[in-house]
Amino acid sequence: MNVHQIYTDSPLRNYNYIVEMGNAEVAVVDPIYPELINEWLANNDRQLAVILLSHGHYDHVAGVEALVKEHGAQIWGHKDSFETIDRILVDGERISTALGEMEVIETPGHTMDHLCFLFFESAKQVEIITMDTIFNAGIGNCKNGGNLEVFVKTILALNERVEDQVILWPGHDYIINNLNFTLANDPENEAAKELLERVQSEGSIGFQTNFETERRVNLFLMSSDKERIKDLRKKRDNW
């Protein structure tokens, strides 16, 4: 795969991601702790070429300046994600990676500058970095610079676009809490019950799901009704 996951053990249970770009060069997505990235680079004999930003929230950009200073990496992202952007990314843009291509998808709602990154191998969708747009069994909130109306449209469009086999790479480890929310609102959901048991047994950190699974356990992907999704997001905000 193109993508490697790093659990940061931050207060918000952030994930960072390393993307193989080819020729021993990598991009890091939303670095929070530079020391974790440097450790991974040393252990895997890779060079940091690019810092890829999904959006500008502090817990996603905290490590950017230190890594740029140390490695001279370029910052790629939405024009509004950081004060200095070396390469502005736009919707539909395709970028070559070690194993195929990465497509930039504008996904406003959690913030208005949010981007997701969909990966292809041999023209087939294989994985997507969704960060704070879609989580395992949930979606992001709109409390800090977001817009719920816009977000619902984004979720519906992304749900229609991404294929079942695609692995989901979220920005945070919230899977247990999100599955409990699913079961609080859909107590007969056997898929969610079974998945929760697995996660509790195997551990939540690094637990992978694909969109086929998400469409059975993630309430926000199980409906095409805009008002239903809005109501669920408001419930989740107060749950």
C-alpha atoms as a PDB file:
ATOM      1  CA  MET A   1       0.000   0.000   0.000  1.00  0.00           C
ATOM      2  CA  ASN A   2       0.982   3.628  -0.441  1.00  0.00           C
ATOM      3  CA  VAL A   3      -0.013   4.661   3.076  1.00  0.00           C
ATOM      4  CA  HIS A   4       1.508   3.964   6.507  1.00  0.00           C
ATOM      5  CA  GLN A   5      -0.392   4.899   9.669  1.00  0.00           C
ATOM      6  CA  ILE A   6       1.217   6.395  12.782  1.00  0.00           C
ATOM      7  CA  TYR A   7      -0.736   6.638  16.025  1.00  0.00           C
ATOM      8  CA  THR A   8       0.404   9.757  17.906  1.00  0.00           C
ATOM      9  CA  ASP A   9      -1.042   9.059  21.374  1.00  0.00           C
ATOM     10  CA  SER A  10      -2.116  12.713  21.474  1.00  0.00           C
ATOM     11  CA  PRO A  11      -4.957  13.900  23.755  1.00  0.00           C
ATOM     12  CA  LEU A  12      -7.293  13.808  20.727  1.00  0.00           C
ATOM     13  CA  ARG A  13      -6.016  10.387  19.623  1.00  0.00           C
ATOM     14  CA  ASN A  14      -4.685  11.704  16.308  1.00  0.00           C
ATOM     15  CA  TYR A  15      -3.369   9.609  13.469  1.00  0.00           C
ATOM     16  CA  ASN A  16      -0.634  10.790  11.105  1.00  0.00           C
ATOM     17  CA  TYR A  17       0.053   9.178   7.744  1.00  0.00           C
ATOM     18  CA  ILE A  18       3.122   8.617   5.619  1.00  0.00           C
ATOM     19  CA  VAL A  19       2.608   8.430   1.845  1.00  0.00           C
ATOM     20  CA  GLU A  20       5.222   6.704  -0.314  1.00  0.00           C
ATOM     21  CA  MET A  21       6.016   9.093  -3.171  1.00  0.00           C
ATOM     22  CA  GLY A  22       8.810   7.056  -4.806  1.00  0.00           C
ATOM     23  CA  ASN A  23      12.627   7.160  -4.863  1.00  0.00           C
ATOM     24  CA  ALA A  24      12.743   6.849  -1.045  1.00  0.00           C
ATOM     25  CA  GLU A  25      10.819  10.115  -0.694  1.00  0.00           C
ATOM     26  CA  VAL A  26       7.635  10.398   1.356  1.00  0.00           C
ATOM     27  CA  ALA A  27       4.917  12.855   2.292  1.00  0.00           C
ATOM     28  CA  VAL A  28       3.567  13.141   5.821  1.00  0.00           C
ATOM     29  CA  VAL A  29      -0.085  14.026   6.363  1.00  0.00           C
ATOM     30  CA  ASP A  30      -1.001  16.428   9.196  1.00  0.00           C
ATOM     31  CA  PRO A  31       2.079  16.026  11.432  1.00  0.00           C
ATOM     32  CA  ILE A  32       1.563  16.841  15.095  1.00  0.00           C
ATOM     33  CA  TYR A  33       4.734  15.549  16.810  1.00  0.00           C
ATOM     34  CA  PRO A  34       7.906  15.955  14.690  1.00  0.00           C
ATOM     35  CA  GLU A  35       9.837  13.424  16.777  1.00  0.00           C
ATOM     36  CA  LEU A  36       7.441  10.636  15.760  1.00  0.00           C
ATOM     37  CA  ILE A  37       7.905  11.465  12.092  1.00  0.00           C
ATOM     38  CA  ASN A  38      11.679  11.663  12.430  1.00  0.00           C
ATOM     39  CA  GLU A  39      11.752   8.295  14.175  1.00  0.00           C
ATOM     40  CA  TRP A  40       9.728   6.701  11.374  1.00  0.00           C
ATOM     41  CA  LEU A  41      11.952   8.249   8.699  1.00  0.00           C
ATOM     42  CA  ALA A  42      15.103   6.950  10.386  1.00  0.00           C
ATOM     43  CA  ASN A  43      13.687   3.464  10.914  1.00  0.00           C
ATOM     44  CA  ASN A  44      12.516   3.181   7.308  1.00  0.00           C
ATOM     45  CA  ASP A  45      15.381   4.964   5.528  1.00  0.00           C
ATOM     46  CA  ARG A  46      13.116   7.553   3.922  1.00  0.00           C
ATOM     47  CA  GLN A  47      13.452  11.254   3.166  1.00  0.00           C
ATOM     48  CA  LEU A  48      10.676  13.734   3.907  1.00  0.00           C
ATOM     49  CA  ALA A  49       9.864  15.708   0.758  1.00  0.00           C
ATOM     50  CA  VAL A  50       6.300  16.927   1.313  1.00  0.00           C
ATOM     51  CA  ILE A  51       3.978  17.878   4.150  1.00  0.00           C
ATOM     52  CA  LEU A  52       0.431  17.208   2.992  1.00  0.00           C
ATOM     53  CA  LEU A  53      -2.316  19.064   4.875  1.00  0.00           C
ATOM     54  CA  SER A  54      -5.942  17.972   5.097  1.00  0.00           C
ATOM     55  CA  HIS A  55      -6.981  21.191   6.881  1.00  0.00           C
ATOM     56  CA  GLY A  56      -5.662  23.886   9.164  1.00  0.00           C
ATOM     57  CA  HIS A  57      -6.773  22.895  12.677  1.00  0.00           C
ATOM     58  CA  TYR A  58      -3.887  23.152  15.142  1.00  0.00           C
ATOM     59  CA  ASP A  59      -3.848  19.450  15.995  1.00  0.00           C
ATOM     60  CA  HIS A  60      -3.181  18.788  12.301  1.00  0.00           C
ATOM     61  CA  VAL A  61      -0.460  21.381  11.671  1.00  0.00           C
ATOM     62  CA  ALA A  62       1.401  21.605  15.003  1.00  0.00           C
ATOM     63  CA  GLY A  63       4.512  19.872  13.683  1.00  0.00           C
ATOM     64  CA  VAL A  64       4.717  21.574  10.298  1.00  0.00           C
ATOM     65  CA  GLU A  65       7.181  24.379  10.991  1.00  0.00           C
ATOM     66  CA  ALA A  66       9.691  22.156  12.803  1.00  0.00           C
ATOM     67  CA  LEU A  67       9.676  19.579  10.003  1.00  0.00           C
ATOM     68  CA  VAL A  68      10.068  22.222   7.294  1.00  0.00           C
ATOM     69  CA  LYS A  69      12.998  23.709   9.184  1.00  0.00           C
ATOM     70  CA  GLU A  70      14.702  20.333   9.627  1.00  0.00           C
ATOM     71  CA  HIS A  71      13.993  18.713   6.262  1.00  0.00           C
ATOM     72  CA  GLY A  72      13.226  21.560   3.870  1.00  0.00           C
ATOM     73  CA  ALA A  73       9.957  19.834   2.968  1.00  0.00           C
ATOM     74  CA  GLN A  74       7.357  21.570   0.817  1.00  0.00           C
ATOM     75  CA  ILE A  75       3.876  22.234   2.193  1.00  0.00           C
ATOM     76  CA  TRP A  76       1.001  21.123  -0.034  1.00  0.00           C
ATOM     77  CA  GLY A  77      -2.635  21.792   0.789  1.00  0.00           C
ATOM     78  CA  HIS A  78      -5.707  23.964   0.371  1.00  0.00           C
ATOM     79  CA  LYS A  79      -4.903  27.650  -0.058  1.00  0.00           C
ATOM     80  CA  ASP A  80      -6.476  28.445   3.333  1.00  0.00           C
ATOM     81  CA  SER A  81      -4.938  25.631   5.400  1.00  0.00           C
ATOM     82  CA  PHE A  82      -1.656  27.286   6.376  1.00  0.00           C
ATOM     83  CA  GLU A  83      -0.041  30.704   6.088  1.00  0.00           C
ATOM     84  CA  THR A  84       2.555  29.371   3.643  1.00  0.00           C
ATOM     85  CA  ILE A  85       1.547  26.848   0.972  1.00  0.00           C
ATOM     86  CA  ASP A  86       4.174  25.827  -1.580  1.00  0.00           C
ATOM     87  CA  ARG A  87       1.707  23.941  -3.765  1.00  0.00           C
ATOM     88  CA  ILE A  88      -1.998  24.756  -3.668  1.00  0.00           C
ATOM     89  CA  LEU A  89      -4.061  21.614  -4.200  1.00  0.00           C
ATOM     90  CA  VAL A  90      -7.432  21.706  -5.952  1.00  0.00           C
ATOM     91  CA  ASP A  91     -10.309  19.304  -6.412  1.00  0.00           C
ATOM     92  CA  GLY A  92      -9.685  16.566  -8.953  1.00  0.00           C
ATOM     93  CA  GLU A  93      -5.921  17.043  -9.107  1.00  0.00           C
ATOM     94  CA  ARG A  94      -3.955  13.809  -9.605  1.00  0.00           C
ATOM     95  CA  ILE A  95      -0.498  13.326  -8.068  1.00  0.00           C
ATOM     96  CA  SER A  96       1.865  10.434  -8.818  1.00  0.00           C
ATOM     97  CA  THR A  97       2.845   8.196  -5.889  1.00  0.00           C
ATOM     98  CA  ALA A  98       5.103   5.157  -5.560  1.00  0.00           C
ATOM     99  CA  LEU A  99       2.337   2.705  -6.438  1.00  0.00           C
ATOM    100  CA  GLY A 100      -0.094   4.723  -8.506  1.00  0.00           C
ATOM    101  CA  GLU A 101      -1.906   8.025  -8.182  1.00  0.00           C
ATOM    102  CA  MET A 102      -3.459  10.129  -5.443  1.00  0.00           C
ATOM    103  CA  GLU A 103      -6.522  12.226  -6.230  1.00  0.00           C
ATOM    104  CA  VAL A 104      -7.280  15.375  -4.263  1.00  0.00           C
ATOM    105  CA  ILE A 105     -10.934  15.696  -3.240  1.00  0.00           C
ATOM    106  CA  GLU A 106     -12.248  18.926  -1.739  1.00  0.00           C
ATOM    107  CA  THR A 107     -14.456  17.954   1.217  1.00  0.00           C
ATOM    108  CA  PRO A 108     -15.699  21.137   2.925  1.00  0.00           C
ATOM    109  CA  GLY A 109     -17.853  20.976   6.027  1.00  0.00           C
ATOM    110  CA  HIS A 110     -15.760  20.026   9.050  1.00  0.00           C
ATOM    111  CA  THR A 111     -13.777  23.058   7.928  1.00  0.00           C
ATOM    112  CA  MET A 112     -14.185  24.851   4.648  1.00  0.00           C
ATOM    113  CA  ASP A 113     -10.600  24.061   3.629  1.00  0.00           C
ATOM    114  CA  HIS A 114     -10.733  20.293   4.193  1.00  0.00           C
ATOM    115  CA  LEU A 115      -9.232  17.905   1.644  1.00  0.00           C
ATOM    116  CA  CYS A 116      -9.321  14.102   1.370  1.00  0.00           C
ATOM    117  CA  PHE A 117      -6.842  11.994  -0.589  1.00  0.00           C
ATOM    118  CA  LEU A 118      -8.016   8.995  -2.637  1.00  0.00           C
ATOM    119  CA  PHE A 119      -5.379   6.490  -3.787  1.00  0.00           C
ATOM    120  CA  PHE A 120      -5.400   4.369  -6.935  1.00  0.00           C
ATOM    121  CA  GLU A 121      -3.322   1.361  -7.945  1.00  0.00           C
ATOM    122  CA  SER A 122      -3.674   0.163 -11.548  1.00  0.00           C
ATOM    123  CA  ALA A 123      -6.598   2.591 -11.881  1.00  0.00           C
ATOM    124  CA  LYS A 124      -8.447   0.877  -8.996  1.00  0.00           C
ATOM    125  CA  GLN A 125      -9.492   2.711  -5.826  1.00  0.00           C
ATOM    126  CA  VAL A 126      -7.605   1.179  -2.882  1.00  0.00           C
ATOM    127  CA  GLU A 127      -7.475   3.562   0.094  1.00  0.00           C
ATOM    128  CA  ILE A 128      -8.518   7.037   1.168  1.00  0.00           C
ATOM    129  CA  ILE A 129      -7.183   9.424   3.789  1.00  0.00           C
ATOM    130  CA  THR A 130     -10.317  11.134   5.104  1.00  0.00           C
ATOM    131  CA  MET A 131      -8.854  12.694   8.271  1.00  0.00           C
ATOM    132  CA  ASP A 132     -11.689  14.662   9.965  1.00  0.00           C
ATOM    133  CA  THR A 133     -14.360  14.184   7.284  1.00  0.00           C
ATOM    134  CA  ILE A 134     -15.191  10.498   7.851  1.00  0.00           C
ATOM    135  CA  PHE A 135     -14.084   8.489  10.877  1.00  0.00           C
ATOM    136  CA  ASN A 136     -14.505   4.785  11.576  1.00  0.00           C
ATOM    137  CA  ALA A 137     -18.268   4.552  12.264  1.00  0.00           C
ATOM    138  CA  GLY A 138     -18.696   8.325  12.302  1.00  0.00           C
ATOM    139  CA  ILE A 139     -17.969  11.721  10.771  1.00  0.00           C
ATOM    140  CA  GLY A 140     -16.358  14.939  11.974  1.00  0.00           C
ATOM    141  CA  ASN A 141     -18.145  17.837  13.618  1.00  0.00           C
ATOM    142  CA  CYS A 142     -18.631  21.386  12.374  1.00  0.00           C
ATOM    143  CA  LYS A 143     -17.932  23.268  15.602  1.00  0.00           C
ATOM    144  CA  ASN A 144     -14.720  25.064  14.652  1.00  0.00           C
ATOM    145  CA  GLY A 145     -15.066  26.803  11.325  1.00  0.00           C
ATOM    146  CA  GLY A 146     -17.391  24.310   9.680  1.00  0.00           C
ATOM    147  CA  ASN A 147     -20.833  24.341   8.088  1.00  0.00           C
ATOM    148  CA  LEU A 148     -23.307  21.507   8.596  1.00  0.00           C
ATOM    149  CA  GLU A 149     -25.344  22.132   5.437  1.00  0.00           C
ATOM    150  CA  VAL A 150     -22.198  21.973   3.330  1.00  0.00           C
ATOM    151  CA  PHE A 151     -20.875  18.998   5.290  1.00  0.00           C
ATOM    152  CA  VAL A 152     -23.949  16.880   4.617  1.00  0.00           C
ATOM    153  CA  LYS A 153     -23.558  17.459   0.870  1.00  0.00           C
ATOM    154  CA  THR A 154     -19.896  16.475   1.160  1.00  0.00           C
ATOM    155  CA  ILE A 155     -20.696  13.257   3.039  1.00  0.00           C
ATOM    156  CA  LEU A 156     -23.346  12.247   0.499  1.00  0.00           C
ATOM    157  CA  ALA A 157     -21.012  12.941  -2.431  1.00  0.00           C
ATOM    158  CA  LEU A 158     -18.080  11.081  -0.877  1.00  0.00           C
ATOM    159  CA  ASN A 159     -20.293   8.125   0.023  1.00  0.00           C
ATOM    160  CA  GLU A 160     -21.423   7.914  -3.588  1.00  0.00           C
ATOM    161  CA  ARG A 161     -17.891   8.301  -4.950  1.00  0.00           C
ATOM    162  CA  VAL A 162     -15.847   5.825  -2.878  1.00  0.00           C
ATOM    163  CA  GLU A 163     -16.056   2.095  -3.662  1.00  0.00           C
ATOM    164  CA  ASP A 164     -16.681  -0.680  -1.129  1.00  0.00           C
ATOM    165  CA  GLN A 165     -13.170  -2.142  -1.092  1.00  0.00           C
ATOM    166  CA  VAL A 166     -11.460   1.146  -0.216  1.00  0.00           C
ATOM    167  CA  ILE A 167      -9.628   1.221   3.136  1.00  0.00           C
ATOM    168  CA  LEU A 168     -10.514   4.178   5.356  1.00  0.00           C
ATOM    169  CA  TRP A 169      -7.729   6.184   7.013  1.00  0.00           C
ATOM    170  CA  PRO A 170      -9.287   8.636   9.527  1.00  0.00           C
ATOM    171  CA  GLY A 171      -7.717  11.475  11.491  1.00  0.00           C
ATOM    172  CA  HIS A 172      -8.526  10.148  14.963  1.00  0.00           C
ATOM    173  CA  ASP A 173      -9.153   6.895  16.831  1.00  0.00           C
ATOM    174  CA  TYR A 174     -12.803   7.354  17.815  1.00  0.00           C
ATOM    175  CA  ILE A 175     -14.092   3.968  16.685  1.00  0.00           C
ATOM    176  CA  ILE A 176     -15.324   2.610  20.033  1.00  0.00           C
ATOM    177  CA  ASN A 177     -17.226   5.761  20.938  1.00  0.00           C
ATOM    178  CA  ASN A 178     -18.673   5.975  17.440  1.00  0.00           C
ATOM    179  CA  LEU A 179     -19.848   2.352  17.443  1.00  0.00           C
ATOM    180  CA  ASN A 180     -21.510   2.938  20.794  1.00  0.00           C
ATOM    181  CA  PHE A 181     -23.307   5.907  19.242  1.00  0.00           C
ATOM    182  CA  THR A 182     -24.465   3.701  16.372  1.00  0.00           C
ATOM    183  CA  LEU A 183     -25.860   1.145  18.798  1.00  0.00           C
ATOM    184  CA  ALA A 184     -27.519   3.811  20.940  1.00  0.00           C
ATOM    185  CA  ASN A 185     -29.483   4.897  17.865  1.00  0.00           C
ATOM    186  CA  ASP A 186     -29.720   1.548  16.059  1.00  0.00           C
ATOM    187  CA  PRO A 187     -29.677  -1.079  18.837  1.00  0.00           C
ATOM    188  CA  GLU A 188     -30.470  -3.982  16.490  1.00  0.00           C
ATOM    189  CA  ASN A 189     -27.484  -3.318  14.228  1.00  0.00           C
ATOM    190  CA  GLU A 190     -25.769  -6.716  14.335  1.00  0.00           C
ATOM    191  CA  ALA A 191     -22.836  -5.590  12.199  1.00  0.00           C
ATOM    192  CA  ALA A 192     -22.055  -2.814  14.671  1.00  0.00           C
ATOM    193  CA  LYS A 193     -22.372  -5.196  17.619  1.00  0.00           C
ATOM    194  CA  GLU A 194     -19.983  -7.689  16.045  1.00  0.00           C
ATOM    195  CA  LEU A 195     -17.492  -5.005  15.048  1.00  0.00           C
ATOM    196  CA  LEU A 196     -17.512  -3.463  18.517  1.00  0.00           C
ATOM    197  CA  GLU A 197     -16.750  -6.854  20.045  1.00  0.00           C
ATOM    198  CA  ARG A 198     -13.828  -7.291  17.635  1.00  0.00           C
ATOM    199  CA  VAL A 199     -12.423  -3.841  18.324  1.00  0.00           C
ATOM    200  CA  GLN A 200     -12.685  -4.301  22.073  1.00  0.00           C
ATOM    201  CA  SER A 201     -10.931  -7.655  21.777  1.00  0.00           C
ATOM    202  CA  GLU A 202      -8.203  -6.658  19.303  1.00  0.00           C
ATOM    203  CA  GLY A 203      -7.731  -3.018  20.353  1.00  0.00           C
ATOM    204  CA  SER A 204      -8.875   0.142  18.635  1.00  0.00           C
ATOM    205  CA  ILE A 205      -5.514   1.647  17.676  1.00  0.00           C
ATOM    206  CA  GLY A 206      -4.816   0.946  14.023  1.00  0.00           C
ATOM    207  CA  PHE A 207      -8.053  -0.990  13.512  1.00  0.00           C
ATOM    208  CA  GLN A 208      -8.910  -0.875   9.809  1.00  0.00           C
ATOM    209  CA  THR A 209     -12.282  -0.783   8.121  1.00  0.00           C
ATOM    210  CA  ASN A 210     -13.275  -0.408   4.491  1.00  0.00           C
ATOM    211  CA  PHE A 211     -16.281   1.345   3.021  1.00  0.00           C
ATOM    212  CA  GLU A 212     -18.257  -1.881   2.715  1.00  0.00           C
ATOM    213  CA  THR A 213     -18.077  -2.228   6.490  1.00  0.00           C
ATOM    214  CA  GLU A 214     -18.679   1.469   7.075  1.00  0.00           C
ATOM    215  CA  ARG A 215     -21.902   1.325   5.077  1.00  0.00           C
ATOM    216  CA  ARG A 216     -23.203  -1.232   7.581  1.00  0.00           C
ATOM    217  CA  VAL A 217     -22.059   0.402  10.841  1.00  0.00           C
ATOM    218  CA  ASN A 218     -21.703   4.134  10.166  1.00  0.00           C
ATOM    219  CA  LEU A 219     -25.104   5.780  10.551  1.00  0.00           C
ATOM    220  CA  PHE A 220     -23.994   8.787   8.520  1.00  0.00           C
ATOM    221  CA  LEU A 221     -23.281   6.572   5.501  1.00  0.00           C
ATOM    222  CA  MET A 222     -26.420   4.463   5.900  1.00  0.00           C
ATOM    223  CA  SER A 223     -28.811   7.225   4.873  1.00  0.00           C
ATOM    224  CA  SER A 224     -29.205   9.468   1.838  1.00  0.00           C
ATOM    225  CA  ASP A 225     -31.647  11.724   3.698  1.00  0.00           C
ATOM    226  CA  LYS A 226     -30.015  15.114   4.331  1.00  0.00           C
ATOM    227  CA  GLU A 227     -32.232  15.921   7.311  1.00  0.00           C
ATOM    228  CA  ARG A 228     -31.558  12.533   8.890  1.00  0.00           C
ATOM    229  CA  ILE A 229     -27.801  13.071   8.608  1.00  0.00           C
ATOM    230  CA  LYS A 230     -28.087  16.594  10.041  1.00  0.00           C
ATOM    231  CA  ASP A 231     -30.163  15.336  12.967  1.00  0.00           C
ATOM    232  CA  LEU A 232     -27.660  12.561  13.681  1.00  0.00           C
ATOM    233  CA  ARG A 233     -24.752  15.023  13.642  1.00  0.00           C
ATOM    234  CA  LYS A 234     -26.579  17.302  16.100  1.00  0.00           C
ATOM    235  CA  LYS A 235     -27.298  14.304  18.336  1.00  0.00           C
ATOM    236  CA  ARG A 236     -23.668  13.253  18.197  1.00  0.00           C
ATOM    237  CA  ASP A 237     -22.569  16.765  19.206  1.00  0.00           C
ATOM    238  CA  ASN A 238     -24.461  16.390  22.476  1.00  0.00           C
ATOM    239  CA  TRP A 239     -23.932  12.670  23.082  1.00  0.00           C
END
